[in-house]
Amino acid sequence: MNYTMVQNNTKDRYEEAFVKNFIIVLLGITINSINGVFVFTFFRSSMFYNDSRYILYIHLVINDMLMVCITVTLYVMSYAWQNVPVPFCIILLMTGATTHKNTPLTLAGMAVERYIAICKPLHHSQICTVHRTYILISLIWGVGVIPGLADLIITLIVRPLSLFTKSTLCSTTYLYNTPYNEDKSKVINGFYTAVVWLILVFTYCRVLVTARKTTSDKSSAKKAQNTILLHGVQLMLCMLSYITPLIDIMFAPLLPAQWTKITFFNYLLGNIVPRLLTPLIYGVRDQKFLKEMKEHFTCKVIIL
């Protein structure tokens, strides 16, 4: 079992540990509070929940909120509770890993929806229906949970059942490689990552090229391209979490005194920063969403 996180945490001074946990919890509360406003706005207007674009967006927001809750909980637990019952740890890890894998799949679905809206506007309403959008979301969750279920099945086969009566360290490190089947997890996650990357790179390239060629409205084309570019930045940041364990291994021998700071930076870069971009890309920049949110909350303030 990998006890690197325990060793890192014991090396942290109390002040440093407090600052790290304070930053993580504060960012988690901030992100979920902002995203909660968008979720509230979404369900207040039928204009949004009858539109496939906004349904996919709010699914991304809710998925990110759930993931932030779990990753922040796991991070704090790695300091405060280092003997977690294995069944409870497995539930947290499987849910966190599934939401983590849902993000790039949802981004891919949103990219395809934008591709159809920009390049095939006459067929958009027939192709991107509400019913098909919910089917897509169900498929995303189904695909996202497969690696976690595979890890659990492999664990049940190769490990004794007494394992589930024990306690273990439960941290964000294991969201990408389970502590009981690290080699098999790496194979599964490596295959999953490669397939997702191929699909997403192809999708984004097609959207960017086609939007530039087929959209007659230059301002609309520019906005679409900027959105897709930000979309790509968010995707790249999300996928960085798959290689942060490699970064830890590479820099550990070079900067042993800064090891805990490197892991903390990797956690922020791979888990927190991408979730800060979601409201900026899809909420604040969307005029309909911003207008509805302003009208609703301005009304509430005046009434109060």
Protein backbone atom coordinates (compact mmCIF):
# COMPACT_ATOMS: atom_id res chain seq x y z
CA MET A 1 0.00 0.00 0.00
CA ASN A 2 1.16 3.54 -0.76
CA TYR A 3 1.74 5.53 2.44
CA THR A 4 3.33 8.55 0.75
CA MET A 5 0.52 10.88 1.78
CA VAL A 6 0.83 9.88 5.43
CA GLN A 7 4.56 10.57 5.33
CA ASN A 8 3.93 13.92 3.65
CA ASN A 9 1.34 14.94 6.21
CA THR A 10 3.55 14.05 9.17
CA LYS A 11 6.30 16.21 7.70
CA ASP A 12 4.04 19.23 7.47
CA ARG A 13 4.34 21.76 10.26
CA TYR A 14 1.09 22.56 12.02
CA GLU A 15 0.95 26.06 10.49
CA GLU A 16 1.59 24.76 6.99
CA ALA A 17 -1.01 22.01 7.35
CA PHE A 18 -3.56 24.49 8.68
CA VAL A 19 -2.94 26.92 5.79
CA LYS A 20 -3.26 24.16 3.18
CA ASN A 21 -6.49 22.82 4.61
CA PHE A 22 -7.89 26.33 5.08
CA ILE A 23 -7.16 27.19 1.43
CA ILE A 24 -8.67 23.93 0.17
CA VAL A 25 -11.85 24.23 2.27
CA LEU A 26 -12.27 27.94 1.43
CA LEU A 27 -11.89 27.29 -2.31
CA GLY A 28 -14.27 24.34 -2.09
CA ILE A 29 -16.95 26.41 -0.34
CA THR A 30 -16.44 29.28 -2.80
CA ILE A 31 -16.71 27.07 -5.87
CA ASN A 32 -19.81 25.25 -4.64
CA SER A 33 -21.48 28.50 -3.52
CA ILE A 34 -20.98 30.08 -6.95
CA ASN A 35 -22.09 26.93 -8.75
CA GLY A 36 -25.06 26.66 -6.40
CA VAL A 37 -26.28 30.04 -7.68
CA PHE A 38 -26.18 28.71 -11.25
CA VAL A 39 -28.04 25.53 -10.28
CA PHE A 40 -30.72 27.59 -8.52
CA THR A 41 -31.05 29.88 -11.57
CA PHE A 42 -31.27 26.89 -13.92
CA PHE A 43 -34.21 25.30 -12.14
CA ARG A 44 -36.08 28.61 -11.85
CA SER A 45 -36.60 28.92 -15.62
CA SER A 46 -38.03 26.43 -18.13
CA MET A 47 -35.97 28.21 -20.79
CA PHE A 48 -32.93 26.38 -19.42
CA TYR A 49 -34.13 22.91 -18.54
CA ASN A 50 -35.77 22.53 -21.97
CA ASP A 51 -32.51 23.30 -23.78
CA SER A 52 -29.92 20.54 -24.30
CA ARG A 53 -27.02 22.99 -24.07
CA TYR A 54 -27.99 24.19 -20.59
CA ILE A 55 -28.89 20.68 -19.42
CA LEU A 56 -25.36 19.51 -20.25
CA TYR A 57 -23.93 22.62 -18.60
CA ILE A 58 -25.83 22.15 -15.35
CA HIS A 59 -24.87 18.47 -15.33
CA LEU A 60 -21.23 19.58 -15.52
CA VAL A 61 -21.82 22.03 -12.66
CA ILE A 62 -23.53 19.48 -10.39
CA ASN A 63 -20.89 16.88 -11.23
CA ASP A 64 -18.14 19.38 -10.34
CA MET A 65 -19.87 20.30 -7.08
CA LEU A 66 -20.03 16.65 -6.08
CA MET A 67 -16.41 16.08 -7.02
CA VAL A 68 -15.22 19.17 -5.11
CA CYS A 69 -17.09 17.99 -1.99
CA ILE A 70 -15.49 14.55 -2.17
CA THR A 71 -11.94 15.68 -3.01
CA VAL A 72 -11.96 18.34 -0.28
CA THR A 73 -13.28 15.74 2.19
CA LEU A 74 -10.57 13.28 1.16
CA TYR A 75 -7.87 15.94 1.45
CA VAL A 76 -8.91 16.97 4.95
CA MET A 77 -9.34 13.32 5.99
CA SER A 78 -5.75 12.57 4.95
CA TYR A 79 -4.70 14.91 7.79
CA ALA A 80 -7.46 14.42 10.35
CA TRP A 81 -8.57 10.78 9.94
CA GLN A 82 -5.94 8.34 8.73
CA ASN A 83 -7.73 5.11 9.74
CA VAL A 84 -10.83 5.14 7.56
CA PRO A 85 -12.97 1.96 7.26
CA VAL A 86 -12.28 0.38 3.88
CA PRO A 87 -15.96 0.17 2.71
CA PHE A 88 -16.51 3.88 3.43
CA CYS A 89 -13.25 4.73 1.66
CA ILE A 90 -14.27 2.67 -1.39
CA ILE A 91 -17.60 4.51 -1.65
CA LEU A 92 -15.86 7.89 -1.53
CA LEU A 93 -13.18 6.84 -4.01
CA MET A 94 -15.60 5.29 -6.51
CA THR A 95 -17.90 8.31 -6.42
CA GLY A 96 -14.99 10.75 -6.68
CA ALA A 97 -13.31 8.81 -9.49
CA THR A 98 -16.59 8.58 -11.42
CA THR A 99 -17.28 12.31 -11.18
CA HIS A 100 -13.67 12.98 -12.19
CA LYS A 101 -14.06 10.86 -15.33
CA ASN A 102 -17.48 12.37 -16.07
CA THR A 103 -15.94 15.82 -16.60
CA PRO A 104 -14.06 15.20 -19.88
CA LEU A 105 -16.95 13.11 -21.22
CA THR A 106 -19.41 15.92 -20.47
CA LEU A 107 -17.07 18.45 -22.07
CA ALA A 108 -16.93 16.24 -25.16
CA GLY A 109 -20.74 16.10 -25.27
CA MET A 110 -20.95 19.88 -24.95
CA ALA A 111 -18.41 20.29 -27.74
CA VAL A 112 -20.43 18.05 -30.04
CA GLU A 113 -23.61 19.97 -29.18
CA ARG A 114 -21.88 23.26 -30.07
CA TYR A 115 -20.57 21.71 -33.28
CA ILE A 116 -24.11 20.78 -34.33
CA ALA A 117 -25.49 24.19 -33.29
CA ILE A 118 -22.82 26.11 -35.24
CA CYS A 119 -22.36 23.90 -38.29
CA LYS A 120 -25.77 22.22 -38.65
CA PRO A 121 -28.23 24.74 -37.18
CA LEU A 122 -31.22 23.46 -39.17
CA HIS A 123 -30.85 19.98 -37.68
CA HIS A 124 -29.96 21.03 -34.15
CA SER A 125 -33.46 20.88 -32.69
CA GLN A 126 -34.06 17.40 -34.17
CA ILE A 127 -30.69 15.95 -33.09
CA CYS A 128 -30.14 17.58 -29.69
CA THR A 129 -33.46 16.86 -27.99
CA VAL A 130 -33.99 16.89 -24.22
CA HIS A 131 -34.67 13.14 -24.21
CA ARG A 132 -31.43 12.36 -26.05
CA THR A 133 -29.52 14.68 -23.75
CA TYR A 134 -30.64 12.73 -20.68
CA ILE A 135 -29.71 9.48 -22.43
CA LEU A 136 -26.25 10.93 -23.08
CA ILE A 137 -25.89 11.90 -19.41
CA SER A 138 -26.86 8.35 -18.39
CA LEU A 139 -24.23 6.95 -20.77
CA ILE A 140 -21.63 9.34 -19.35
CA TRP A 141 -22.26 8.05 -15.82
CA GLY A 142 -22.25 4.47 -17.08
CA VAL A 143 -18.89 4.87 -18.82
CA GLY A 144 -17.46 6.90 -15.93
CA VAL A 145 -18.22 4.23 -13.33
CA ILE A 146 -16.72 1.32 -15.35
CA PRO A 147 -13.06 1.80 -14.23
CA GLY A 148 -14.10 2.03 -10.57
CA LEU A 149 -16.28 -1.08 -10.82
CA ALA A 150 -13.45 -2.93 -12.59
CA ASP A 151 -11.07 -2.01 -9.75
CA LEU A 152 -13.61 -3.19 -7.16
CA ILE A 153 -14.19 -6.51 -8.96
CA ILE A 154 -10.44 -7.11 -9.31
CA THR A 155 -9.99 -6.31 -5.61
CA LEU A 156 -12.72 -8.79 -4.67
CA ILE A 157 -11.01 -11.48 -6.76
CA VAL A 158 -7.38 -11.02 -5.72
CA ARG A 159 -7.79 -9.85 -2.11
CA PRO A 160 -9.37 -11.63 0.87
CA LEU A 161 -12.76 -10.42 2.07
CA SER A 162 -11.20 -9.63 5.45
CA LEU A 163 -9.75 -6.56 3.74
CA PHE A 164 -13.16 -4.89 4.00
CA THR A 165 -13.12 -5.13 7.79
CA LYS A 166 -9.90 -3.13 8.08
CA SER A 167 -9.03 0.57 8.11
CA THR A 168 -6.82 2.42 5.66
CA LEU A 169 -5.53 5.80 4.58
CA CYS A 170 -8.07 7.39 2.21
CA SER A 171 -6.79 10.30 0.16
CA THR A 172 -7.11 12.00 -3.24
CA THR A 173 -4.02 10.09 -4.40
CA TYR A 174 -6.20 7.00 -4.82
CA LEU A 175 -8.76 8.68 -7.08
CA TYR A 176 -6.55 7.76 -10.03
CA ASN A 177 -4.84 4.58 -8.77
CA THR A 178 -6.55 2.42 -6.15
CA PRO A 179 -4.38 1.45 -3.17
CA TYR A 180 -5.14 -2.26 -3.59
CA ASN A 181 -4.62 -2.71 -7.33
CA GLU A 182 -2.29 0.07 -8.46
CA ASP A 183 -0.84 -1.76 -11.49
CA LYS A 184 -4.22 -2.84 -12.85
CA SER A 185 -5.67 0.62 -12.12
CA LYS A 186 -2.91 2.27 -14.13
CA VAL A 187 -3.64 0.03 -17.12
CA ILE A 188 -7.38 0.76 -16.98
CA ASN A 189 -6.96 4.50 -16.42
CA GLY A 190 -4.22 4.70 -19.06
CA PHE A 191 -6.46 3.07 -21.67
CA TYR A 192 -9.41 5.24 -20.64
CA THR A 193 -7.32 8.43 -20.82
CA ALA A 194 -5.90 7.59 -24.24
CA VAL A 195 -9.35 6.94 -25.72
CA VAL A 196 -10.85 10.11 -24.22
CA TRP A 197 -7.93 12.23 -25.45
CA LEU A 198 -8.27 10.91 -29.02
CA ILE A 199 -12.01 11.60 -29.08
CA LEU A 200 -11.70 15.09 -27.58
CA VAL A 201 -8.77 16.25 -29.73
CA PHE A 202 -10.63 15.19 -32.88
CA THR A 203 -13.85 16.87 -31.70
CA TYR A 204 -12.23 20.19 -30.78
CA CYS A 205 -10.22 20.39 -34.00
CA ARG A 206 -13.33 19.74 -36.08
CA VAL A 207 -15.36 22.34 -34.18
CA LEU A 208 -12.71 25.04 -34.48
CA VAL A 209 -12.06 24.49 -38.18
CA THR A 210 -15.72 24.11 -39.18
CA ALA A 211 -16.90 27.07 -37.10
CA ARG A 212 -14.36 29.32 -38.81
CA LYS A 213 -15.39 28.17 -42.29
CA THR A 214 -19.17 27.91 -42.05
CA THR A 215 -20.32 30.68 -39.70
CA SER A 216 -21.24 33.85 -41.59
CA ASP A 217 -21.61 35.97 -38.47
CA LYS A 218 -18.01 36.90 -37.61
CA SER A 219 -18.77 38.01 -34.06
CA SER A 220 -20.68 34.79 -33.38
CA ALA A 221 -17.85 32.75 -34.85
CA LYS A 222 -15.31 34.60 -32.73
CA LYS A 223 -17.33 34.01 -29.56
CA ALA A 224 -17.76 30.32 -30.40
CA GLN A 225 -14.05 29.90 -31.03
CA ASN A 226 -13.14 31.66 -27.77
CA THR A 227 -15.57 29.45 -25.86
CA ILE A 228 -14.12 26.31 -27.41
CA LEU A 229 -10.56 27.45 -26.67
CA LEU A 230 -11.47 28.04 -23.01
CA HIS A 231 -13.23 24.68 -23.15
CA GLY A 232 -9.94 23.12 -24.26
CA VAL A 233 -7.98 24.85 -21.49
CA GLN A 234 -10.38 23.48 -18.90
CA LEU A 235 -10.11 20.02 -20.42
CA MET A 236 -6.30 20.11 -20.34
CA LEU A 237 -6.32 21.18 -16.69
CA CYS A 238 -8.76 18.39 -15.83
CA MET A 239 -6.62 15.80 -17.59
CA LEU A 240 -3.51 17.02 -15.76
CA SER A 241 -4.74 15.14 -12.71
CA TYR A 242 -3.88 11.90 -14.53
CA ILE A 243 -0.21 12.84 -14.75
CA THR A 244 0.26 14.61 -11.40
CA PRO A 245 1.37 11.32 -9.76
CA LEU A 246 4.14 11.16 -12.38
CA ILE A 247 5.11 14.76 -11.57
CA ASP A 248 5.32 13.80 -7.90
CA ILE A 249 7.63 10.89 -8.72
CA MET A 250 9.83 13.00 -11.02
CA PHE A 251 10.35 15.91 -8.62
CA ALA A 252 10.55 13.94 -5.35
CA PRO A 253 14.29 13.07 -5.70
CA LEU A 254 15.14 16.55 -7.03
CA LEU A 255 13.33 18.66 -4.43
CA PRO A 256 12.80 16.48 -1.34
CA ALA A 257 12.44 19.50 0.95
CA GLN A 258 9.59 20.88 -1.21
CA TRP A 259 7.80 17.56 -1.64
CA THR A 260 4.65 18.45 0.31
CA LYS A 261 4.35 21.80 -1.50
CA ILE A 262 4.62 20.06 -4.89
CA THR A 263 1.84 17.61 -4.05
CA PHE A 264 -0.32 20.47 -2.78
CA PHE A 265 0.25 22.45 -5.99
CA ASN A 266 -0.57 19.38 -8.09
CA TYR A 267 -3.80 18.89 -6.16
CA LEU A 268 -4.87 22.50 -6.76
CA LEU A 269 -3.92 22.36 -10.43
CA GLY A 270 -5.63 19.06 -11.18
CA ASN A 271 -8.73 19.25 -8.99
CA ILE A 272 -9.62 22.80 -7.93
CA VAL A 273 -8.50 25.22 -10.67
CA PRO A 274 -10.51 23.54 -13.50
CA ARG A 275 -13.67 23.85 -11.40
CA LEU A 276 -13.08 27.58 -10.99
CA LEU A 277 -13.24 27.96 -14.78
CA THR A 278 -16.67 26.36 -15.21
CA PRO A 279 -18.74 29.40 -14.03
CA LEU A 280 -16.54 31.75 -16.10
CA ILE A 281 -16.82 29.77 -19.34
CA TYR A 282 -20.46 28.70 -19.27
CA GLY A 283 -22.20 30.97 -16.79
CA VAL A 284 -20.86 34.52 -16.71
CA ARG A 285 -20.10 34.55 -20.47
CA ASP A 286 -23.59 33.31 -21.38
CA GLN A 287 -25.86 36.33 -21.81
CA LYS A 288 -29.14 34.47 -21.22
CA PHE A 289 -27.89 32.87 -18.03
CA LEU A 290 -26.33 36.09 -16.76
CA LYS A 291 -29.46 38.13 -17.52
CA GLU A 292 -31.78 35.64 -15.79
CA MET A 293 -29.49 35.47 -12.77
CA LYS A 294 -29.25 39.25 -12.45
CA GLU A 295 -33.01 39.73 -12.76
CA HIS A 296 -33.82 37.06 -10.21
CA PHE A 297 -31.29 38.04 -7.55
CA THR A 298 -31.85 41.79 -8.05
CA CYS A 299 -35.54 41.18 -7.41
CA LYS A 300 -34.74 39.20 -4.26
CA VAL A 301 -32.47 41.97 -2.95
CA ILE A 302 -35.10 44.67 -3.54
CA ILE A 303 -37.76 42.58 -1.76
CA LEU A 304 -35.50 42.00 1.22
